[in-house]
Amino acid sequence: METIGDQIKQRRKRLKVSQRQLADLSGVGINTLTKIERNEGNPTLDILNKVLDTLGLVLTTRVKTPGETS
């Protein structure tokens, strides 16, 4: 399963934006962004939404079906 960090990194590269540029545009620290992309960070929803919004992405949620695992 592809992680949110993987999706952010792929979208950033597709748009030809550096990590530094994305950090500046979204108002998120470069270290925080790097950790998110490496799936090492635990960002707040506010920070995650800033990054996603800057990239033109949206976070959605859904209810698990009985017996479904993550």
PDB file of N, CA and C in Angstrom:
ATOM      1  N   MET A   1       0.835  -1.187   0.000  1.00  0.00           N
ATOM      2  CA  MET A   1       0.000   0.000   0.000  1.00  0.00           C
ATOM      3  C   MET A   1       0.878   1.248   0.000  1.00  0.00           C
ATOM      4  N   GLU A   2       0.534   2.182  -0.832  1.00  0.00           N
ATOM      5  CA  GLU A   2       1.296   3.421  -0.944  1.00  0.00           C
ATOM      6  C   GLU A   2       0.967   4.350   0.232  1.00  0.00           C
ATOM      7  N   THR A   3       1.984   4.921   0.832  1.00  0.00           N
ATOM      8  CA  THR A   3       1.787   5.791   1.987  1.00  0.00           C
ATOM      9  C   THR A   3       1.523   7.229   1.546  1.00  0.00           C
ATOM     10  N   ILE A   4       1.044   8.032   2.473  1.00  0.00           N
ATOM     11  CA  ILE A   4       0.809   9.448   2.191  1.00  0.00           C
ATOM     12  C   ILE A   4       2.122  10.146   1.848  1.00  0.00           C
ATOM     13  N   GLY A   5       3.205   9.743   2.519  1.00  0.00           N
ATOM     14  CA  GLY A   5       4.517  10.316   2.214  1.00  0.00           C
ATOM     15  C   GLY A   5       4.945  10.016   0.789  1.00  0.00           C
ATOM     16  N   ASP A   6       4.695   8.790   0.338  1.00  0.00           N
ATOM     17  CA  ASP A   6       5.016   8.410  -1.044  1.00  0.00           C
ATOM     18  C   ASP A   6       4.204   9.235  -2.041  1.00  0.00           C
ATOM     19  N   GLN A   7       2.948   9.420  -1.740  1.00  0.00           N
ATOM     20  CA  GLN A   7       2.076  10.189  -2.639  1.00  0.00           C
ATOM     21  C   GLN A   7       2.507  11.649  -2.720  1.00  0.00           C
ATOM     22  N   ILE A   8       2.885  12.222  -1.582  1.00  0.00           N
ATOM     23  CA  ILE A   8       3.356  13.607  -1.557  1.00  0.00           C
ATOM     24  C   ILE A   8       4.628  13.743  -2.381  1.00  0.00           C
ATOM     25  N   LYS A   9       5.556  12.834  -2.173  1.00  0.00           N
ATOM     26  CA  LYS A   9       6.833  12.881  -2.896  1.00  0.00           C
ATOM     27  C   LYS A   9       6.615  12.742  -4.409  1.00  0.00           C
ATOM     28  N   GLN A  10       5.779  11.797  -4.817  1.00  0.00           N
ATOM     29  CA  GLN A  10       5.509  11.595  -6.243  1.00  0.00           C
ATOM     30  C   GLN A  10       4.869  12.828  -6.869  1.00  0.00           C
ATOM     31  N   ARG A  11       3.892  13.409  -6.183  1.00  0.00           N
ATOM     32  CA  ARG A  11       3.218  14.607  -6.706  1.00  0.00           C
ATOM     33  C   ARG A  11       4.194  15.774  -6.791  1.00  0.00           C
ATOM     34  N   ARG A  12       5.020  15.949  -5.775  1.00  0.00           N
ATOM     35  CA  ARG A  12       6.009  17.032  -5.768  1.00  0.00           C
ATOM     36  C   ARG A  12       6.956  16.888  -6.952  1.00  0.00           C
ATOM     37  N   LYS A  13       7.440  15.685  -7.186  1.00  0.00           N
ATOM     38  CA  LYS A  13       8.359  15.448  -8.302  1.00  0.00           C
ATOM     39  C   LYS A  13       7.661  15.635  -9.645  1.00  0.00           C
ATOM     40  N   ARG A  14       6.409  15.198  -9.742  1.00  0.00           N
ATOM     41  CA  ARG A  14       5.639  15.367 -10.976  1.00  0.00           C
ATOM     42  C   ARG A  14       5.489  16.847 -11.318  1.00  0.00           C
ATOM     43  N   LEU A  15       5.350  17.673 -10.285  1.00  0.00           N
ATOM     44  CA  LEU A  15       5.219  19.121 -10.477  1.00  0.00           C
ATOM     45  C   LEU A  15       6.574  19.821 -10.589  1.00  0.00           C
ATOM     46  N   LYS A  16       7.652  19.060 -10.455  1.00  0.00           N
ATOM     47  CA  LYS A  16       9.025  19.587 -10.548  1.00  0.00           C
ATOM     48  C   LYS A  16       9.277  20.684  -9.518  1.00  0.00           C
ATOM     49  N   VAL A  17       8.898  20.364  -8.287  1.00  0.00           N
ATOM     50  CA  VAL A  17       9.078  21.272  -7.156  1.00  0.00           C
ATOM     51  C   VAL A  17      10.058  20.618  -6.188  1.00  0.00           C
ATOM     52  N   SER A  18      11.037  21.371  -5.731  1.00  0.00           N
ATOM     53  CA  SER A  18      11.994  20.827  -4.759  1.00  0.00           C
ATOM     54  C   SER A  18      11.352  20.782  -3.375  1.00  0.00           C
ATOM     55  N   GLN A  19      11.980  20.015  -2.495  1.00  0.00           N
ATOM     56  CA  GLN A  19      11.479  19.960  -1.119  1.00  0.00           C
ATOM     57  C   GLN A  19      11.520  21.344  -0.488  1.00  0.00           C
ATOM     58  N   ARG A  20      12.578  22.084  -0.737  1.00  0.00           N
ATOM     59  CA  ARG A  20      12.712  23.436  -0.174  1.00  0.00           C
ATOM     60  C   ARG A  20      11.587  24.336  -0.684  1.00  0.00           C
ATOM     61  N   GLN A  21      11.297  24.272  -1.974  1.00  0.00           N
ATOM     62  CA  GLN A  21      10.227  25.094  -2.537  1.00  0.00           C
ATOM     63  C   GLN A  21       8.880  24.736  -1.923  1.00  0.00           C
ATOM     64  N   LEU A  22       8.612  23.440  -1.808  1.00  0.00           N
ATOM     65  CA  LEU A  22       7.340  23.006  -1.225  1.00  0.00           C
ATOM     66  C   LEU A  22       7.238  23.444   0.231  1.00  0.00           C
ATOM     67  N   ALA A  23       8.319  23.316   0.958  1.00  0.00           N
ATOM     68  CA  ALA A  23       8.320  23.749   2.359  1.00  0.00           C
ATOM     69  C   ALA A  23       7.995  25.245   2.450  1.00  0.00           C
ATOM     70  N   ASP A  24       8.638  26.042   1.606  1.00  0.00           N
ATOM     71  CA  ASP A  24       8.404  27.490   1.622  1.00  0.00           C
ATOM     72  C   ASP A  24       6.969  27.832   1.210  1.00  0.00           C
ATOM     73  N   LEU A  25       6.492  27.195   0.146  1.00  0.00           N
ATOM     74  CA  LEU A  25       5.149  27.486  -0.357  1.00  0.00           C
ATOM     75  C   LEU A  25       4.051  27.078   0.624  1.00  0.00           C
ATOM     76  N   SER A  26       4.271  25.993   1.328  1.00  0.00           N
ATOM     77  CA  SER A  26       3.244  25.485   2.240  1.00  0.00           C
ATOM     78  C   SER A  26       3.379  26.027   3.661  1.00  0.00           C
ATOM     79  N   GLY A  27       4.516  26.657   3.958  1.00  0.00           N
ATOM     80  CA  GLY A  27       4.725  27.184   5.303  1.00  0.00           C
ATOM     81  C   GLY A  27       5.067  26.111   6.317  1.00  0.00           C
ATOM     82  N   VAL A  28       5.630  25.019   5.819  1.00  0.00           N
ATOM     83  CA  VAL A  28       6.015  23.890   6.666  1.00  0.00           C
ATOM     84  C   VAL A  28       7.538  23.809   6.676  1.00  0.00           C
ATOM     85  N   GLY A  29       8.107  23.464   7.801  1.00  0.00           N
ATOM     86  CA  GLY A  29       9.560  23.354   7.903  1.00  0.00           C
ATOM     87  C   GLY A  29      10.114  22.259   6.992  1.00  0.00           C
ATOM     88  N   ILE A  30      11.305  22.497   6.449  1.00  0.00           N
ATOM     89  CA  ILE A  30      11.933  21.534   5.554  1.00  0.00           C
ATOM     90  C   ILE A  30      12.169  20.197   6.252  1.00  0.00           C
ATOM     91  N   ASN A  31      12.565  20.218   7.516  1.00  0.00           N
ATOM     92  CA  ASN A  31      12.795  18.969   8.251  1.00  0.00           C
ATOM     93  C   ASN A  31      11.496  18.190   8.419  1.00  0.00           C
ATOM     94  N   THR A  32      10.417  18.897   8.681  1.00  0.00           N
ATOM     95  CA  THR A  32       9.112  18.254   8.815  1.00  0.00           C
ATOM     96  C   THR A  32       8.698  17.616   7.497  1.00  0.00           C
ATOM     97  N   LEU A  33       8.854  18.361   6.409  1.00  0.00           N
ATOM     98  CA  LEU A  33       8.485  17.839   5.096  1.00  0.00           C
ATOM     99  C   LEU A  33       9.321  16.611   4.733  1.00  0.00           C
ATOM    100  N   THR A  34      10.609  16.675   4.992  1.00  0.00           N
ATOM    101  CA  THR A  34      11.493  15.543   4.700  1.00  0.00           C
ATOM    102  C   THR A  34      11.048  14.304   5.466  1.00  0.00           C
ATOM    103  N   LYS A  35      10.721  14.479   6.736  1.00  0.00           N
ATOM    104  CA  LYS A  35      10.262  13.344   7.547  1.00  0.00           C
ATOM    105  C   LYS A  35       8.939  12.783   7.034  1.00  0.00           C
ATOM    106  N   ILE A  36       8.047  13.656   6.594  1.00  0.00           N
ATOM    107  CA  ILE A  36       6.769  13.188   6.053  1.00  0.00           C
ATOM    108  C   ILE A  36       7.018  12.328   4.819  1.00  0.00           C
ATOM    109  N   GLU A  37       7.862  12.812   3.924  1.00  0.00           N
ATOM    110  CA  GLU A  37       8.142  12.069   2.693  1.00  0.00           C
ATOM    111  C   GLU A  37       8.841  10.739   2.967  1.00  0.00           C
ATOM    112  N   ARG A  38       9.597  10.669   4.031  1.00  0.00           N
ATOM    113  CA  ARG A  38      10.286   9.426   4.398  1.00  0.00           C
ATOM    114  C   ARG A  38       9.418   8.532   5.280  1.00  0.00           C
ATOM    115  N   ASN A  39       8.206   8.973   5.541  1.00  0.00           N
ATOM    116  CA  ASN A  39       7.286   8.241   6.407  1.00  0.00           C
ATOM    117  C   ASN A  39       7.838   8.078   7.815  1.00  0.00           C
ATOM    118  N   GLU A  40       8.597   9.063   8.246  1.00  0.00           N
ATOM    119  CA  GLU A  40       9.165   9.054   9.596  1.00  0.00           C
ATOM    120  C   GLU A  40       8.461  10.061  10.499  1.00  0.00           C
ATOM    121  N   GLY A  41       7.748  10.980   9.905  1.00  0.00           N
ATOM    122  CA  GLY A  41       7.104  12.020  10.682  1.00  0.00           C
ATOM    123  C   GLY A  41       5.718  11.617  11.139  1.00  0.00           C
ATOM    124  N   ASN A  42       5.194  12.378  12.061  1.00  0.00           N
ATOM    125  CA  ASN A  42       3.833  12.202  12.556  1.00  0.00           C
ATOM    126  C   ASN A  42       3.182  13.580  12.561  1.00  0.00           C
ATOM    127  N   PRO A  43       2.904  14.111  11.348  1.00  0.00           N
ATOM    128  CA  PRO A  43       2.418  15.491  11.269  1.00  0.00           C
ATOM    129  C   PRO A  43       1.000  15.641  11.774  1.00  0.00           C
ATOM    130  N   THR A  44       0.691  16.837  12.228  1.00  0.00           N
ATOM    131  CA  THR A  44      -0.689  17.142  12.593  1.00  0.00           C
ATOM    132  C   THR A  44      -1.511  17.223  11.307  1.00  0.00           C
ATOM    133  N   LEU A  45      -2.815  17.142  11.437  1.00  0.00           N
ATOM    134  CA  LEU A  45      -3.675  17.279  10.262  1.00  0.00           C
ATOM    135  C   LEU A  45      -3.526  18.650   9.629  1.00  0.00           C
ATOM    136  N   ASP A  46      -3.292  19.673  10.436  1.00  0.00           N
ATOM    137  CA  ASP A  46      -3.107  21.022   9.917  1.00  0.00           C
ATOM    138  C   ASP A  46      -1.885  21.084   9.000  1.00  0.00           C
ATOM    139  N   ILE A  47      -0.768  20.537   9.449  1.00  0.00           N
ATOM    140  CA  ILE A  47       0.451  20.541   8.643  1.00  0.00           C
ATOM    141  C   ILE A  47       0.262  19.707   7.382  1.00  0.00           C
ATOM    142  N   LEU A  48      -0.318  18.548   7.535  1.00  0.00           N
ATOM    143  CA  LEU A  48      -0.551  17.675   6.392  1.00  0.00           C
ATOM    144  C   LEU A  48      -1.455  18.360   5.366  1.00  0.00           C
ATOM    145  N   ASN A  49      -2.490  19.016   5.821  1.00  0.00           N
ATOM    146  CA  ASN A  49      -3.397  19.718   4.910  1.00  0.00           C
ATOM    147  C   ASN A  49      -2.711  20.877   4.195  1.00  0.00           C
ATOM    148  N   LYS A  50      -1.796  21.563   4.858  1.00  0.00           N
ATOM    149  CA  LYS A  50      -1.046  22.642   4.202  1.00  0.00           C
ATOM    150  C   LYS A  50      -0.231  22.104   3.030  1.00  0.00           C
ATOM    151  N   VAL A  51       0.451  20.994   3.256  1.00  0.00           N
ATOM    152  CA  VAL A  51       1.268  20.384   2.207  1.00  0.00           C
ATOM    153  C   VAL A  51       0.385  19.882   1.069  1.00  0.00           C
ATOM    154  N   LEU A  52      -0.671  19.158   1.425  1.00  0.00           N
ATOM    155  CA  LEU A  52      -1.563  18.607   0.415  1.00  0.00           C
ATOM    156  C   LEU A  52      -2.234  19.705  -0.405  1.00  0.00           C
ATOM    157  N   ASP A  53      -2.685  20.753   0.247  1.00  0.00           N
ATOM    158  CA  ASP A  53      -3.341  21.854  -0.445  1.00  0.00           C
ATOM    159  C   ASP A  53      -2.383  22.516  -1.432  1.00  0.00           C
ATOM    160  N   THR A  54      -1.152  22.706  -1.025  1.00  0.00           N
ATOM    161  CA  THR A  54      -0.142  23.315  -1.894  1.00  0.00           C
ATOM    162  C   THR A  54       0.089  22.465  -3.139  1.00  0.00           C
ATOM    163  N   LEU A  55       0.001  21.153  -2.994  1.00  0.00           N
ATOM    164  CA  LEU A  55       0.217  20.235  -4.114  1.00  0.00           C
ATOM    165  C   LEU A  55      -1.054  19.953  -4.909  1.00  0.00           C
ATOM    166  N   GLY A  56      -2.175  20.501  -4.464  1.00  0.00           N
ATOM    167  CA  GLY A  56      -3.440  20.244  -5.151  1.00  0.00           C
ATOM    168  C   GLY A  56      -4.003  18.872  -4.841  1.00  0.00           C
ATOM    169  N   LEU A  57      -3.687  18.363  -3.673  1.00  0.00           N
ATOM    170  CA  LEU A  57      -4.194  17.062  -3.225  1.00  0.00           C
ATOM    171  C   LEU A  57      -5.181  17.283  -2.088  1.00  0.00           C
ATOM    172  N   VAL A  58      -5.991  16.274  -1.827  1.00  0.00           N
ATOM    173  CA  VAL A  58      -6.963  16.351  -0.748  1.00  0.00           C
ATOM    174  C   VAL A  58      -6.921  15.048   0.052  1.00  0.00           C
ATOM    175  N   LEU A  59      -7.101  15.164   1.339  1.00  0.00           N
ATOM    176  CA  LEU A  59      -7.137  14.000   2.224  1.00  0.00           C
ATOM    177  C   LEU A  59      -8.585  13.574   2.403  1.00  0.00           C
ATOM    178  N   THR A  60      -8.842  12.298   2.188  1.00  0.00           N
ATOM    179  CA  THR A  60     -10.194  11.779   2.397  1.00  0.00           C
ATOM    180  C   THR A  60     -10.130  10.630   3.396  1.00  0.00           C
ATOM    181  N   THR A  61     -11.237  10.391   4.041  1.00  0.00           N
ATOM    182  CA  THR A  61     -11.328   9.279   4.987  1.00  0.00           C
ATOM    183  C   THR A  61     -12.534   8.431   4.616  1.00  0.00           C
ATOM    184  N   ARG A  62     -12.515   7.214   5.106  1.00  0.00           N
ATOM    185  CA  ARG A  62     -13.647   6.321   4.897  1.00  0.00           C
ATOM    186  C   ARG A  62     -13.748   5.397   6.095  1.00  0.00           C
ATOM    187  N   VAL A  63     -14.903   4.846   6.276  1.00  0.00           N
ATOM    188  CA  VAL A  63     -15.143   3.912   7.369  1.00  0.00           C
ATOM    189  C   VAL A  63     -14.707   2.516   6.913  1.00  0.00           C
ATOM    190  N   LYS A  64     -13.958   1.827   7.766  1.00  0.00           N
ATOM    191  CA  LYS A  64     -13.537   0.475   7.462  1.00  0.00           C
ATOM    192  C   LYS A  64     -14.746  -0.462   7.447  1.00  0.00           C
ATOM    193  N   THR A  65     -14.649  -1.449   6.604  1.00  0.00           N
ATOM    194  CA  THR A  65     -15.671  -2.492   6.611  1.00  0.00           C
ATOM    195  C   THR A  65     -15.302  -3.505   7.678  1.00  0.00           C
ATOM    196  N   PRO A  66     -16.262  -4.222   8.224  1.00  0.00           N
ATOM    197  CA  PRO A  66     -15.952  -5.208   9.270  1.00  0.00           C
ATOM    198  C   PRO A  66     -14.892  -6.217   8.797  1.00  0.00           C
ATOM    199  N   GLY A  67     -13.893  -6.431   9.635  1.00  0.00           N
ATOM    200  CA  GLY A  67     -12.828  -7.381   9.328  1.00  0.00           C
ATOM    201  C   GLY A  67     -11.688  -6.793   8.515  1.00  0.00           C
ATOM    202  N   GLU A  68     -11.820  -5.563   8.047  1.00  0.00           N
ATOM    203  CA  GLU A  68     -10.765  -4.930   7.246  1.00  0.00           C
ATOM    204  C   GLU A  68      -9.606  -4.504   8.147  1.00  0.00           C
ATOM    205  N   THR A  69      -8.403  -4.723   7.689  1.00  0.00           N
ATOM    206  CA  THR A  69      -7.228  -4.273   8.417  1.00  0.00           C
ATOM    207  C   THR A  69      -6.562  -3.147   7.654  1.00  0.00           C
ATOM    208  N   SER A  70      -5.736  -2.381   8.343  1.00  0.00           N
ATOM    209  CA  SER A  70      -5.074  -1.261   7.683  1.00  0.00           C
ATOM    210  C   SER A  70      -3.787  -1.661   7.034  1.00  0.00           C
TER     211      SER A  70
END
